[in-house]
Amino acid sequence: MQPFALNYARPAVGREATTPYVYDSGLQLNVTMDGRIAASDHALLRELGTTTSTAGSKTHFDD
């Protein structure tokens, strides 16, 4: 007998995503490519919803 979930489970489709910000270790914040703090860029936050930090925990947010 095959488990029910195996009838519907599909491999995750990989998406190529580029982030319009990078982590600045000196400031310990995400910054946009022109050097502004990403968390204070309202247009960026409206588009992405958040700026997840790549430093340390994946649950940390720069807000």
Protein backbone atom coordinates (compact mmCIF):
# COMPACT_ATOMS: atom_id res chain seq x y z
CA MET A 1 0.00 0.00 0.00
CA GLN A 2 1.35 3.43 -0.98
CA PRO A 3 0.94 6.35 1.47
CA PHE A 4 -1.66 8.91 0.36
CA ALA A 5 0.83 11.82 0.27
CA LEU A 6 3.01 10.09 -2.32
CA ASN A 7 0.18 10.38 -4.84
CA TYR A 8 0.35 14.17 -4.65
CA ALA A 9 3.90 15.03 -3.55
CA ARG A 10 6.00 16.73 -6.18
CA PRO A 11 9.64 17.79 -6.07
CA ALA A 12 10.14 21.44 -5.24
CA VAL A 13 10.74 23.53 -8.32
CA GLY A 14 13.91 25.55 -8.00
CA ARG A 15 13.50 29.25 -8.67
CA GLU A 16 16.28 31.58 -9.54
CA ALA A 17 15.96 34.64 -7.38
CA THR A 18 18.27 37.57 -7.00
CA THR A 19 18.09 39.79 -3.99
CA PRO A 20 18.44 43.51 -4.53
CA TYR A 21 20.45 43.81 -1.30
CA VAL A 22 23.59 42.36 0.30
CA TYR A 23 24.72 41.85 3.88
CA ASP A 24 27.17 44.47 5.19
CA SER A 25 29.20 42.90 8.01
CA GLY A 26 30.43 46.31 9.21
CA LEU A 27 26.91 47.64 9.71
CA GLN A 28 25.50 44.17 10.45
CA LEU A 29 22.55 45.07 8.21
CA ASN A 30 21.34 44.35 4.72
CA VAL A 31 22.08 47.25 2.38
CA THR A 32 20.93 47.99 -1.15
CA MET A 33 23.42 48.08 -3.99
CA ASP A 34 23.73 51.86 -3.64
CA GLY A 35 24.56 51.61 0.09
CA ARG A 36 21.20 52.48 1.68
CA ILE A 37 19.86 50.34 4.55
CA ALA A 38 17.48 47.82 2.97
CA ALA A 39 15.05 47.79 5.91
CA SER A 40 14.37 51.52 5.43
CA ASP A 41 13.65 51.17 1.69
CA HIS A 42 9.83 51.19 1.64
CA ALA A 43 9.54 50.25 -2.04
CA LEU A 44 11.82 47.25 -1.48
CA LEU A 45 9.83 46.12 1.55
CA ARG A 46 6.54 46.44 -0.36
CA GLU A 47 7.99 44.28 -3.14
CA LEU A 48 9.65 41.60 -1.00
CA GLY A 49 7.75 41.81 2.28
CA THR A 50 10.94 41.55 4.35
CA THR A 51 14.71 41.58 4.14
CA THR A 52 15.80 38.29 5.64
CA SER A 53 19.32 38.45 6.93
CA THR A 54 21.82 35.82 5.82
CA ALA A 55 23.94 36.31 8.92
CA GLY A 56 23.40 33.72 11.61
CA SER A 57 19.84 32.53 12.00
CA LYS A 58 17.55 32.40 8.98
CA THR A 59 14.70 33.61 11.20
CA HIS A 60 16.32 36.98 11.93
CA PHE A 61 14.79 39.99 10.18
CA ASP A 62 16.23 43.48 9.72
CA ASP A 63 13.17 45.53 10.59
